[in-house]
């Protein structure tokens, strides 16, 4: 999505050539495939753990960190996996998204008219909102010191990035539609 917004704002005349159907399918396929392949080593390593004591996790889904707390096995291999995967599966997409928005903001600042700047910014503002919400909650979960971890806080932040943000996603994108904005204003200010 960040690449799509980059092309739409920074290379608008070449948009239909650059964002062909083949490129769109390739981007979606790469996203889905990398997401699916990411979980294979996690499942393999966690399936080799032995669990003693309670088999009830204190979470609303089977989060690996919640499973690690129940494990009697050494978690060193899992920690090494997370440290080696993290830069590729979390930091790299974030940096690519950030770099595309740096180019977008640079392009918006070169636009002379206020209406043009507003239109360009509104094109990417919904995606930027979703990205900031998602990465903000993920950073709050995974970039906290261990002393600040608590099962309740982890559940709240996990609920935010797994349920709330995907639910807000269509609403945020829909609010860009002029007809939806007009209907919402009529609904709110109806007398």
Foldseek 3Di string as FASTA:
>chain_A
DLVLLLCCQVPVVCNCVVPDPVVVVVVVVVVVVCVVVLCVVVCVVLVPFDFDDDPDFLAPDPDSVSSVVRTPDDCVVVVVSCVVCVCVPPVVVVVVSVVSVVSLVVSLVPDDDPVSSVVSCLSCVLVVVLVCQQNVLVCVQPVDDPVPDDSVSNRVSCCSNPPVSVVCSVVSVVCSDPVVVVVVCCVVVPD
